[in-house]
PDB file of all heavy atoms in Angstrom:
ATOM      1  N   GLU A   1       3.846   8.317  -9.086  1.00  0.00           N
ATOM      2  CA  GLU A   1       4.173   8.784 -10.398  1.00  0.00           C
ATOM      3  C   GLU A   1       4.357   7.596 -11.350  1.00  0.00           C
ATOM      4  O   GLU A   1       5.138   6.714 -11.066  1.00  0.00           O
ATOM      5  CB  GLU A   1       5.414   9.630 -10.368  1.00  0.00           C
ATOM      6  CG  GLU A   1       5.832  10.183 -11.774  1.00  0.00           C
ATOM      7  CD  GLU A   1       7.136  10.934 -11.779  1.00  0.00           C
ATOM      8  OE1 GLU A   1       7.533  11.405 -10.679  1.00  0.00           O
ATOM      9  OE2 GLU A   1       7.767  11.029 -12.806  1.00  0.00           O
ATOM     10  N   ARG A   2       3.619   7.607 -12.431  1.00  0.00           N
ATOM     11  CA  ARG A   2       3.793   6.576 -13.394  1.00  0.00           C
ATOM     12  C   ARG A   2       5.062   6.814 -14.217  1.00  0.00           C
ATOM     13  O   ARG A   2       5.178   7.881 -14.855  1.00  0.00           O
ATOM     14  CB  ARG A   2       2.563   6.554 -14.372  1.00  0.00           C
ATOM     15  CG  ARG A   2       1.310   6.005 -13.735  1.00  0.00           C
ATOM     16  CD  ARG A   2       0.089   6.179 -14.598  1.00  0.00           C
ATOM     17  NE  ARG A   2      -1.098   5.506 -14.030  1.00  0.00           N
ATOM     18  CZ  ARG A   2      -2.310   5.722 -14.457  1.00  0.00           C
ATOM     19  NH1 ARG A   2      -2.544   6.539 -15.497  1.00  0.00           N
ATOM     20  NH2 ARG A   2      -3.351   5.081 -13.887  1.00  0.00           N
ATOM     21  N   VAL A   3       5.964   5.878 -14.098  1.00  0.00           N
ATOM     22  CA  VAL A   3       7.296   6.071 -14.720  1.00  0.00           C
ATOM     23  C   VAL A   3       7.139   6.172 -16.236  1.00  0.00           C
ATOM     24  O   VAL A   3       7.874   6.955 -16.908  1.00  0.00           O
ATOM     25  CB  VAL A   3       8.237   4.907 -14.336  1.00  0.00           C
ATOM     26  CG1 VAL A   3       9.563   5.073 -15.051  1.00  0.00           C
ATOM     27  CG2 VAL A   3       8.383   4.842 -12.848  1.00  0.00           C
ATOM     28  N   SER A   4       6.209   5.474 -16.828  1.00  0.00           N
ATOM     29  CA  SER A   4       6.087   5.448 -18.315  1.00  0.00           C
ATOM     30  C   SER A   4       5.631   6.776 -18.844  1.00  0.00           C
ATOM     31  O   SER A   4       6.070   7.261 -19.882  1.00  0.00           O
ATOM     32  CB  SER A   4       5.134   4.322 -18.712  1.00  0.00           C
ATOM     33  OG  SER A   4       3.825   4.527 -18.093  1.00  0.00           O
ATOM     34  N   SER A   5       4.640   7.422 -18.166  1.00  0.00           N
ATOM     35  CA  SER A   5       4.064   8.642 -18.668  1.00  0.00           C
ATOM     36  C   SER A   5       4.420   9.924 -17.838  1.00  0.00           C
ATOM     37  O   SER A   5       4.203  11.010 -18.360  1.00  0.00           O
ATOM     38  CB  SER A   5       2.570   8.514 -18.770  1.00  0.00           C
ATOM     39  OG  SER A   5       2.028   8.350 -17.449  1.00  0.00           O
ATOM     40  N   GLY A   6       4.885   9.732 -16.623  1.00  0.00           N
ATOM     41  CA  GLY A   6       5.128  10.856 -15.772  1.00  0.00           C
ATOM     42  C   GLY A   6       3.863  11.411 -15.097  1.00  0.00           C
ATOM     43  O   GLY A   6       3.934  12.378 -14.353  1.00  0.00           O
ATOM     44  N   ASP A   7       2.677  10.753 -15.330  1.00  0.00           N
ATOM     45  CA  ASP A   7       1.418  11.211 -14.692  1.00  0.00           C
ATOM     46  C   ASP A   7       1.470  10.973 -13.211  1.00  0.00           C
ATOM     47  O   ASP A   7       1.978   9.939 -12.737  1.00  0.00           O
ATOM     48  CB  ASP A   7       0.238  10.499 -15.299  1.00  0.00           C
ATOM     49  CG  ASP A   7      -0.144  11.035 -16.645  1.00  0.00           C
ATOM     50  OD1 ASP A   7       0.310  12.194 -17.000  1.00  0.00           O
ATOM     51  OD2 ASP A   7      -0.851  10.339 -17.410  1.00  0.00           O
ATOM     52  N   ALA A   8       0.906  11.920 -12.432  1.00  0.00           N
ATOM     53  CA  ALA A   8       0.743  11.743 -11.007  1.00  0.00           C
ATOM     54  C   ALA A   8      -0.604  11.131 -10.735  1.00  0.00           C
ATOM     55  O   ALA A   8      -1.644  11.693 -11.220  1.00  0.00           O
ATOM     56  CB  ALA A   8       0.915  13.084 -10.313  1.00  0.00           C
ATOM     57  N   VAL A   9      -0.669  10.017  -9.999  1.00  0.00           N
ATOM     58  CA  VAL A   9      -1.920   9.372  -9.714  1.00  0.00           C
ATOM     59  C   VAL A   9      -2.005   9.305  -8.208  1.00  0.00           C
ATOM     60  O   VAL A   9      -1.042   9.287  -7.464  1.00  0.00           O
ATOM     61  CB  VAL A   9      -2.037   7.984 -10.321  1.00  0.00           C
ATOM     62  CG1 VAL A   9      -2.003   8.076 -11.874  1.00  0.00           C
ATOM     63  CG2 VAL A   9      -0.918   7.044  -9.814  1.00  0.00           C
ATOM     64  N   THR A  10      -3.305   9.195  -7.707  1.00  0.00           N
ATOM     65  CA  THR A  10      -3.559   9.119  -6.258  1.00  0.00           C
ATOM     66  C   THR A  10      -4.161   7.777  -5.959  1.00  0.00           C
ATOM     67  O   THR A  10      -5.120   7.332  -6.648  1.00  0.00           O
ATOM     68  CB  THR A  10      -4.508  10.228  -5.817  1.00  0.00           C
ATOM     69  OG1 THR A  10      -3.940  11.492  -6.139  1.00  0.00           O
ATOM     70  CG2 THR A  10      -4.793  10.165  -4.341  1.00  0.00           C
ATOM     71  N   VAL A  11      -3.588   7.123  -4.951  1.00  0.00           N
ATOM     72  CA  VAL A  11      -4.134   5.804  -4.480  1.00  0.00           C
ATOM     73  C   VAL A  11      -4.568   6.006  -3.009  1.00  0.00           C
ATOM     74  O   VAL A  11      -3.784   6.469  -2.209  1.00  0.00           O
ATOM     75  CB  VAL A  11      -3.093   4.698  -4.564  1.00  0.00           C
ATOM     76  CG1 VAL A  11      -3.666   3.327  -4.117  1.00  0.00           C
ATOM     77  CG2 VAL A  11      -2.519   4.602  -5.990  1.00  0.00           C
ATOM     78  N   THR A  12      -5.807   5.695  -2.734  1.00  0.00           N
ATOM     79  CA  THR A  12      -6.276   5.763  -1.371  1.00  0.00           C
ATOM     80  C   THR A  12      -6.560   4.308  -0.834  1.00  0.00           C
ATOM     81  O   THR A  12      -7.119   3.484  -1.572  1.00  0.00           O
ATOM     82  CB  THR A  12      -7.589   6.578  -1.224  1.00  0.00           C
ATOM     83  OG1 THR A  12      -8.582   6.046  -2.147  1.00  0.00           O
ATOM     84  CG2 THR A  12      -7.315   8.041  -1.651  1.00  0.00           C
ATOM     85  N   ILE A  13      -6.218   4.050   0.411  1.00  0.00           N
ATOM     86  CA  ILE A  13      -6.296   2.716   0.936  1.00  0.00           C
ATOM     87  C   ILE A  13      -7.007   2.803   2.276  1.00  0.00           C
ATOM     88  O   ILE A  13      -6.568   3.527   3.221  1.00  0.00           O
ATOM     89  CB  ILE A  13      -4.902   2.102   1.135  1.00  0.00           C
ATOM     90  CG1 ILE A  13      -4.163   2.061  -0.229  1.00  0.00           C
ATOM     91  CG2 ILE A  13      -4.988   0.738   1.742  1.00  0.00           C
ATOM     92  CD1 ILE A  13      -2.692   2.014  -0.103  1.00  0.00           C
ATOM     93  N   GLY A  14      -8.106   2.072   2.420  1.00  0.00           N
ATOM     94  CA  GLY A  14      -8.821   2.029   3.677  1.00  0.00           C
ATOM     95  C   GLY A  14      -7.962   1.424   4.779  1.00  0.00           C
ATOM     96  O   GLY A  14      -7.352   0.358   4.606  1.00  0.00           O
ATOM     97  N   ASP A  15      -7.895   2.130   5.931  1.00  0.00           N
ATOM     98  CA  ASP A  15      -6.998   1.701   6.970  1.00  0.00           C
ATOM     99  C   ASP A  15      -7.500   0.374   7.610  1.00  0.00           C
ATOM    100  O   ASP A  15      -6.669  -0.496   7.954  1.00  0.00           O
ATOM    101  CB  ASP A  15      -6.860   2.739   8.050  1.00  0.00           C
ATOM    102  CG  ASP A  15      -5.926   2.396   9.149  1.00  0.00           C
ATOM    103  OD1 ASP A  15      -4.795   2.098   8.821  1.00  0.00           O
ATOM    104  OD2 ASP A  15      -6.338   2.369  10.330  1.00  0.00           O
ATOM    105  N   ARG A  16      -8.787   0.189   7.766  1.00  0.00           N
ATOM    106  CA  ARG A  16      -9.316  -1.001   8.365  1.00  0.00           C
ATOM    107  C   ARG A  16      -9.431  -2.145   7.342  1.00  0.00           C
ATOM    108  O   ARG A  16      -9.093  -3.288   7.625  1.00  0.00           O
ATOM    109  CB  ARG A  16     -10.662  -0.753   9.024  1.00  0.00           C
ATOM    110  CG  ARG A  16     -10.564   0.187  10.239  1.00  0.00           C
ATOM    111  CD  ARG A  16     -11.860   0.245  11.012  1.00  0.00           C
ATOM    112  NE  ARG A  16     -12.932   0.808  10.228  1.00  0.00           N
ATOM    113  CZ  ARG A  16     -13.256   2.112  10.206  1.00  0.00           C
ATOM    114  NH1 ARG A  16     -12.564   2.922  10.904  1.00  0.00           N
ATOM    115  NH2 ARG A  16     -14.247   2.572   9.474  1.00  0.00           N
ATOM    116  N   SER A  17      -9.921  -1.890   6.191  1.00  0.00           N
ATOM    117  CA  SER A  17     -10.169  -2.873   5.174  1.00  0.00           C
ATOM    118  C   SER A  17      -8.937  -3.256   4.380  1.00  0.00           C
ATOM    119  O   SER A  17      -8.797  -4.352   3.805  1.00  0.00           O
ATOM    120  CB  SER A  17     -11.240  -2.396   4.191  1.00  0.00           C
ATOM    121  OG  SER A  17     -10.813  -1.299   3.456  1.00  0.00           O
ATOM    122  N   GLY A  18      -7.992  -2.339   4.276  1.00  0.00           N
ATOM    123  CA  GLY A  18      -6.794  -2.581   3.435  1.00  0.00           C
ATOM    124  C   GLY A  18      -7.109  -2.608   1.963  1.00  0.00           C
ATOM    125  O   GLY A  18      -6.287  -3.098   1.158  1.00  0.00           O
ATOM    126  N   LYS A  19      -8.266  -2.060   1.591  1.00  0.00           N
ATOM    127  CA  LYS A  19      -8.679  -2.070   0.201  1.00  0.00           C
ATOM    128  C   LYS A  19      -8.319  -0.762  -0.452  1.00  0.00           C
ATOM    129  O   LYS A  19      -8.563   0.305   0.049  1.00  0.00           O
ATOM    130  CB  LYS A  19     -10.164  -2.338   0.120  1.00  0.00           C
ATOM    131  CG  LYS A  19     -10.726  -2.373  -1.313  1.00  0.00           C
ATOM    132  CD  LYS A  19     -12.257  -2.566  -1.289  1.00  0.00           C
ATOM    133  CE  LYS A  19     -12.799  -2.578  -2.705  1.00  0.00           C
ATOM    134  NZ  LYS A  19     -14.272  -2.736  -2.664  1.00  0.00           N
ATOM    135  N   ALA A  20      -7.680  -0.936  -1.639  1.00  0.00           N
ATOM    136  CA  ALA A  20      -7.337   0.243  -2.445  1.00  0.00           C
ATOM    137  C   ALA A  20      -8.529   0.689  -3.235  1.00  0.00           C
ATOM    138  O   ALA A  20      -9.198  -0.111  -3.937  1.00  0.00           O
ATOM    139  CB  ALA A  20      -6.176  -0.055  -3.354  1.00  0.00           C
ATOM    140  N   SER A  21      -8.874   1.957  -3.171  1.00  0.00           N
ATOM    141  CA  SER A  21      -9.951   2.489  -4.030  1.00  0.00           C
ATOM    142  C   SER A  21      -9.422   2.627  -5.445  1.00  0.00           C
ATOM    143  O   SER A  21      -8.200   2.590  -5.668  1.00  0.00           O
ATOM    144  CB  SER A  21     -10.357   3.894  -3.500  1.00  0.00           C
ATOM    145  OG  SER A  21     -10.842   3.744  -2.131  1.00  0.00           O
ATOM    146  N   PRO A  22     -10.345   2.791  -6.414  1.00  0.00           N
ATOM    147  CA  PRO A  22      -9.893   2.936  -7.788  1.00  0.00           C
ATOM    148  C   PRO A  22      -8.871   4.076  -7.900  1.00  0.00           C
ATOM    149  O   PRO A  22      -9.031   5.154  -7.303  1.00  0.00           O
ATOM    150  CB  PRO A  22     -11.198   3.280  -8.529  1.00  0.00           C
ATOM    151  CG  PRO A  22     -12.267   2.647  -7.723  1.00  0.00           C
ATOM    152  CD  PRO A  22     -11.797   2.760  -6.283  1.00  0.00           C
ATOM    153  N   VAL A  23      -7.823   3.813  -8.656  1.00  0.00           N
ATOM    154  CA  VAL A  23      -6.753   4.775  -8.825  1.00  0.00           C
ATOM    155  C   VAL A  23      -7.287   6.009  -9.484  1.00  0.00           C
ATOM    156  O   VAL A  23      -8.055   5.949 -10.498  1.00  0.00           O
ATOM    157  CB  VAL A  23      -5.583   4.209  -9.617  1.00  0.00           C
ATOM    158  CG1 VAL A  23      -4.548   5.230  -9.933  1.00  0.00           C
ATOM    159  CG2 VAL A  23      -4.998   3.019  -8.902  1.00  0.00           C
ATOM    160  N   VAL A  24      -7.026   7.204  -8.914  1.00  0.00           N
ATOM    161  CA  VAL A  24      -7.464   8.474  -9.492  1.00  0.00           C
ATOM    162  C   VAL A  24      -6.355   8.991 -10.407  1.00  0.00           C
ATOM    163  O   VAL A  24      -5.319   9.447  -9.915  1.00  0.00           O
ATOM    164  CB  VAL A  24      -7.808   9.486  -8.407  1.00  0.00           C
ATOM    165  CG1 VAL A  24      -8.262  10.821  -9.040  1.00  0.00           C
ATOM    166  CG2 VAL A  24      -8.885   8.925  -7.526  1.00  0.00           C
ATOM    167  N   ALA A  25      -6.576   8.885 -11.706  1.00  0.00           N
ATOM    168  CA  ALA A  25      -5.595   9.405 -12.678  1.00  0.00           C
ATOM    169  C   ALA A  25      -6.015  10.775 -13.107  1.00  0.00           C
ATOM    170  O   ALA A  25      -7.208  11.164 -13.132  1.00  0.00           O
ATOM    171  CB  ALA A  25      -5.529   8.485 -13.869  1.00  0.00           C
ATOM    172  N   PRO A  26      -5.071  11.666 -13.475  1.00  0.00           N
ATOM    173  CA  PRO A  26      -5.398  12.990 -13.848  1.00  0.00           C
ATOM    174  C   PRO A  26      -6.172  13.035 -15.155  1.00  0.00           C
ATOM    175  O   PRO A  26      -5.874  12.311 -16.138  1.00  0.00           O
ATOM    176  CB  PRO A  26      -4.042  13.725 -13.992  1.00  0.00           C
ATOM    177  CG  PRO A  26      -3.035  12.592 -14.246  1.00  0.00           C
ATOM    178  CD  PRO A  26      -3.630  11.404 -13.504  1.00  0.00           C
ATOM    179  N   GLN A  27      -7.217  13.928 -15.233  1.00  0.00           N
ATOM    180  CA  GLN A  27      -7.934  14.146 -16.458  1.00  0.00           C
ATOM    181  C   GLN A  27      -7.285  15.337 -17.212  1.00  0.00           C
ATOM    182  O   GLN A  27      -6.339  15.956 -16.714  1.00  0.00           O
ATOM    183  CB  GLN A  27      -9.395  14.467 -16.102  1.00  0.00           C
ATOM    184  CG  GLN A  27     -10.104  13.364 -15.314  1.00  0.00           C
ATOM    185  CD  GLN A  27     -10.248  12.090 -16.105  1.00  0.00           C
ATOM    186  OE1 GLN A  27     -10.530  12.107 -17.322  1.00  0.00           O
ATOM    187  NE2 GLN A  27     -10.034  10.959 -15.442  1.00  0.00           N
ATOM    188  N   SER A  28      -7.834  15.653 -18.388  1.00  0.00           N
ATOM    189  CA  SER A  28      -7.248  16.713 -19.158  1.00  0.00           C
ATOM    190  C   SER A  28      -7.224  18.045 -18.443  1.00  0.00           C
ATOM    191  O   SER A  28      -6.226  18.794 -18.498  1.00  0.00           O
ATOM    192  CB  SER A  28      -8.007  16.857 -20.475  1.00  0.00           C
ATOM    193  OG  SER A  28      -9.358  17.107 -20.265  1.00  0.00           O
ATOM    194  N   GLY A  29      -8.317  18.350 -17.690  1.00  0.00           N
ATOM    195  CA  GLY A  29      -8.309  19.604 -16.974  1.00  0.00           C
ATOM    196  C   GLY A  29      -7.332  19.591 -15.803  1.00  0.00           C
ATOM    197  O   GLY A  29      -6.700  20.668 -15.480  1.00  0.00           O
ATOM    198  N   ASP A  30      -7.153  18.465 -15.175  1.00  0.00           N
ATOM    199  CA  ASP A  30      -6.153  18.376 -14.088  1.00  0.00           C
ATOM    200  C   ASP A  30      -4.746  18.596 -14.639  1.00  0.00           C
ATOM    201  O   ASP A  30      -3.948  19.297 -14.022  1.00  0.00           O
ATOM    202  CB  ASP A  30      -6.226  17.012 -13.421  1.00  0.00           C
ATOM    203  CG  ASP A  30      -7.587  16.715 -12.817  1.00  0.00           C
ATOM    204  OD1 ASP A  30      -8.121  17.557 -12.111  1.00  0.00           O
ATOM    205  OD2 ASP A  30      -8.148  15.631 -13.068  1.00  0.00           O
ATOM    206  N   ARG A  31      -4.438  18.005 -15.793  1.00  0.00           N
ATOM    207  CA  ARG A  31      -3.123  18.237 -16.409  1.00  0.00           C
ATOM    208  C   ARG A  31      -2.955  19.671 -16.790  1.00  0.00           C
ATOM    209  O   ARG A  31      -1.863  20.238 -16.595  1.00  0.00           O
ATOM    210  CB  ARG A  31      -2.976  17.342 -17.650  1.00  0.00           C
ATOM    211  CG  ARG A  31      -2.917  15.849 -17.392  1.00  0.00           C
ATOM    212  CD  ARG A  31      -2.536  15.118 -18.630  1.00  0.00           C
ATOM    213  NE  ARG A  31      -2.470  13.642 -18.369  1.00  0.00           N
ATOM    214  CZ  ARG A  31      -3.479  12.806 -18.584  1.00  0.00           C
ATOM    215  NH1 ARG A  31      -4.635  13.289 -19.133  1.00  0.00           N
ATOM    216  NH2 ARG A  31      -3.360  11.545 -18.370  1.00  0.00           N
ATOM    217  N   ALA A  32      -3.958  20.291 -17.314  1.00  0.00           N
ATOM    218  CA  ALA A  32      -3.870  21.716 -17.665  1.00  0.00           C
ATOM    219  C   ALA A  32      -3.646  22.580 -16.416  1.00  0.00           C
ATOM    220  O   ALA A  32      -2.775  23.509 -16.463  1.00  0.00           O
ATOM    221  CB  ALA A  32      -5.133  22.189 -18.388  1.00  0.00           C
ATOM    222  N   ALA A  33      -4.362  22.279 -15.336  1.00  0.00           N
ATOM    223  CA  ALA A  33      -4.148  23.043 -14.134  1.00  0.00           C
ATOM    224  C   ALA A  33      -2.712  22.832 -13.543  1.00  0.00           C
ATOM    225  O   ALA A  33      -2.124  23.802 -13.064  1.00  0.00           O
ATOM    226  CB  ALA A  33      -5.204  22.595 -13.066  1.00  0.00           C
ATOM    227  N   SER A  34      -2.205  21.627 -13.658  1.00  0.00           N
ATOM    228  CA  SER A  34      -0.843  21.376 -13.208  1.00  0.00           C
ATOM    229  C   SER A  34       0.165  22.160 -14.034  1.00  0.00           C
ATOM    230  O   SER A  34       1.109  22.783 -13.544  1.00  0.00           O
ATOM    231  CB  SER A  34      -0.510  19.884 -13.292  1.00  0.00           C
ATOM    232  OG  SER A  34      -1.302  19.139 -12.407  1.00  0.00           O
ATOM    233  N   TRP A  35      -0.062  22.194 -15.368  1.00  0.00           N
ATOM    234  CA  TRP A  35       0.859  22.941 -16.216  1.00  0.00           C
ATOM    235  C   TRP A  35       0.807  24.445 -15.901  1.00  0.00           C
ATOM    236  O   TRP A  35       1.800  25.123 -15.962  1.00  0.00           O
ATOM    237  CB  TRP A  35       0.476  22.692 -17.717  1.00  0.00           C
ATOM    238  CG  TRP A  35       1.182  21.497 -18.258  1.00  0.00           C
ATOM    239  CD1 TRP A  35       0.660  20.280 -18.569  1.00  0.00           C
ATOM    240  CD2 TRP A  35       2.558  21.400 -18.580  1.00  0.00           C
ATOM    241  NE1 TRP A  35       1.606  19.433 -18.995  1.00  0.00           N
ATOM    242  CE2 TRP A  35       2.787  20.080 -19.064  1.00  0.00           C
ATOM    243  CE3 TRP A  35       3.668  22.271 -18.490  1.00  0.00           C
ATOM    244  CZ2 TRP A  35       4.038  19.635 -19.458  1.00  0.00           C
ATOM    245  CZ3 TRP A  35       4.939  21.820 -18.917  1.00  0.00           C
ATOM    246  CH2 TRP A  35       5.107  20.518 -19.390  1.00  0.00           C
ATOM    247  N   ILE A  36      -0.375  24.946 -15.615  1.00  0.00           N
ATOM    248  CA  ILE A  36      -0.511  26.342 -15.216  1.00  0.00           C
ATOM    249  C   ILE A  36       0.325  26.644 -14.005  1.00  0.00           C
ATOM    250  O   ILE A  36       1.069  27.675 -13.916  1.00  0.00           O
ATOM    251  CB  ILE A  36      -1.962  26.711 -15.000  1.00  0.00           C
ATOM    252  CG1 ILE A  36      -2.718  26.780 -16.368  1.00  0.00           C
ATOM    253  CG2 ILE A  36      -2.124  28.070 -14.259  1.00  0.00           C
ATOM    254  CD1 ILE A  36      -4.216  26.946 -16.208  1.00  0.00           C
ATOM    255  N   ARG A  37       0.255  25.810 -13.002  1.00  0.00           N
ATOM    256  CA  ARG A  37       1.088  25.986 -11.758  1.00  0.00           C
ATOM    257  C   ARG A  37       2.555  25.858 -12.099  1.00  0.00           C
ATOM    258  O   ARG A  37       3.348  26.662 -11.605  1.00  0.00           O
ATOM    259  CB  ARG A  37       0.657  24.941 -10.712  1.00  0.00           C
ATOM    260  CG  ARG A  37       1.519  25.011  -9.456  1.00  0.00           C
ATOM    261  CD  ARG A  37       0.957  24.125  -8.329  1.00  0.00           C
ATOM    262  NE  ARG A  37      -0.260  24.646  -7.848  1.00  0.00           N
ATOM    263  CZ  ARG A  37      -0.368  25.652  -6.965  1.00  0.00           C
ATOM    264  NH1 ARG A  37       0.723  26.243  -6.508  1.00  0.00           N
ATOM    265  NH2 ARG A  37      -1.544  26.050  -6.542  1.00  0.00           N
ATOM    266  N   TRP A  38       2.946  24.867 -12.895  1.00  0.00           N
ATOM    267  CA  TRP A  38       4.335  24.701 -13.234  1.00  0.00           C
ATOM    268  C   TRP A  38       4.900  25.897 -14.015  1.00  0.00           C
ATOM    269  O   TRP A  38       6.022  26.320 -13.778  1.00  0.00           O
ATOM    270  CB  TRP A  38       4.544  23.410 -14.049  1.00  0.00           C
ATOM    271  CG  TRP A  38       4.215  22.185 -13.278  1.00  0.00           C
ATOM    272  CD1 TRP A  38       4.118  22.060 -11.901  1.00  0.00           C
ATOM    273  CD2 TRP A  38       3.911  20.892 -13.767  1.00  0.00           C
ATOM    274  NE1 TRP A  38       3.794  20.744 -11.518  1.00  0.00           N
ATOM    275  CE2 TRP A  38       3.670  20.017 -12.689  1.00  0.00           C
ATOM    276  CE3 TRP A  38       3.817  20.386 -15.058  1.00  0.00           C
ATOM    277  CZ2 TRP A  38       3.321  18.720 -12.874  1.00  0.00           C
ATOM    278  CZ3 TRP A  38       3.471  19.031 -15.250  1.00  0.00           C
ATOM    279  CH2 TRP A  38       3.216  18.195 -14.163  1.00  0.00           C
ATOM    280  N   ILE A  39       4.103  26.353 -14.930  1.00  0.00           N
ATOM    281  CA  ILE A  39       4.516  27.569 -15.680  1.00  0.00           C
ATOM    282  C   ILE A  39       4.753  28.766 -14.763  1.00  0.00           C
ATOM    283  O   ILE A  39       5.740  29.504 -14.868  1.00  0.00           O
ATOM    284  CB  ILE A  39       3.452  27.902 -16.796  1.00  0.00           C
ATOM    285  CG1 ILE A  39       3.511  26.860 -17.939  1.00  0.00           C
ATOM    286  CG2 ILE A  39       3.731  29.287 -17.352  1.00  0.00           C
ATOM    287  CD1 ILE A  39       2.351  26.985 -18.893  1.00  0.00           C
ATOM    288  N   HIS A  40       3.841  28.976 -13.850  1.00  0.00           N
ATOM    289  CA  HIS A  40       3.993  30.076 -12.884  1.00  0.00           C
ATOM    290  C   HIS A  40       5.158  29.907 -11.988  1.00  0.00           C
ATOM    291  O   HIS A  40       5.849  30.905 -11.664  1.00  0.00           O
ATOM    292  CB  HIS A  40       2.682  30.216 -12.058  1.00  0.00           C
ATOM    293  CG  HIS A  40       2.700  31.389 -11.247  1.00  0.00           C
ATOM    294  ND1 HIS A  40       2.449  32.709 -11.690  1.00  0.00           N
ATOM    295  CD2 HIS A  40       2.926  31.546  -9.860  1.00  0.00           C
ATOM    296  CE1 HIS A  40       2.509  33.565 -10.689  1.00  0.00           C
ATOM    297  NE2 HIS A  40       2.789  32.911  -9.583  1.00  0.00           N
ATOM    298  N   GLU A  41       5.430  28.695 -11.520  1.00  0.00           N
ATOM    299  CA  GLU A  41       6.486  28.456 -10.612  1.00  0.00           C
ATOM    300  C   GLU A  41       7.853  28.324 -11.297  1.00  0.00           C
ATOM    301  O   GLU A  41       8.886  28.378 -10.608  1.00  0.00           O
ATOM    302  CB  GLU A  41       6.202  27.162  -9.798  1.00  0.00           C
ATOM    303  CG  GLU A  41       5.017  27.283  -8.910  1.00  0.00           C
ATOM    304  CD  GLU A  41       4.718  25.953  -8.217  1.00  0.00           C
ATOM    305  OE1 GLU A  41       5.294  24.943  -8.662  1.00  0.00           O
ATOM    306  OE2 GLU A  41       3.920  25.978  -7.254  1.00  0.00           O
ATOM    307  N   GLY A  42       7.876  28.107 -12.604  1.00  0.00           N
ATOM    308  CA  GLY A  42       9.115  27.867 -13.304  1.00  0.00           C
ATOM    309  C   GLY A  42       9.682  26.499 -13.084  1.00  0.00           C
ATOM    310  O   GLY A  42      10.880  26.227 -13.252  1.00  0.00           O
ATOM    311  N   SER A  43       8.777  25.554 -12.705  1.00  0.00           N
ATOM    312  CA  SER A  43       9.232  24.139 -12.464  1.00  0.00           C
ATOM    313  C   SER A  43       8.757  23.265 -13.547  1.00  0.00           C
ATOM    314  O   SER A  43       7.833  23.593 -14.334  1.00  0.00           O
ATOM    315  CB  SER A  43       8.685  23.679 -11.127  1.00  0.00           C
ATOM    316  OG  SER A  43       7.252  23.714 -11.142  1.00  0.00           O
ATOM    317  N   HIS A  44       9.385  22.059 -13.684  1.00  0.00           N
ATOM    318  CA  HIS A  44       9.003  21.013 -14.654  1.00  0.00           C
ATOM    319  C   HIS A  44       9.126  21.480 -16.082  1.00  0.00           C
ATOM    320  O   HIS A  44       8.546  20.886 -16.985  1.00  0.00           O
ATOM    321  CB  HIS A  44       7.591  20.551 -14.405  1.00  0.00           C
ATOM    322  CG  HIS A  44       7.359  19.884 -13.080  1.00  0.00           C
ATOM    323  ND1 HIS A  44       7.281  20.617 -11.896  1.00  0.00           N
ATOM    324  CD2 HIS A  44       7.226  18.583 -12.719  1.00  0.00           C
ATOM    325  CE1 HIS A  44       7.133  19.806 -10.894  1.00  0.00           C
ATOM    326  NE2 HIS A  44       7.045  18.569 -11.348  1.00  0.00           N
ATOM    327  N   SER A  45       9.763  22.608 -16.333  1.00  0.00           N
ATOM    328  CA  SER A  45       9.820  23.147 -17.712  1.00  0.00           C
ATOM    329  C   SER A  45      11.209  23.468 -18.157  1.00  0.00           C
ATOM    330  O   SER A  45      11.381  24.141 -19.185  1.00  0.00           O
ATOM    331  CB  SER A  45       8.928  24.448 -17.816  1.00  0.00           C
ATOM    332  OG  SER A  45       7.613  24.156 -17.403  1.00  0.00           O
TER     333      SER A  45
END
C-alpha cells in the first residue's frame, strides 16, 4: 500500500533470480472495481 495515495500495488519477485517485475499499479478500472466491492461490503467508506 502506497502510504501517500493509499493505492494498492502488486510486486512480484522471481524466486531464483531475485528480480522484481515492474510494479503493477491499479488503473482507473481497477480502482472502480475496488470501490464497487467496498461499497457492497460497507468497508473503506
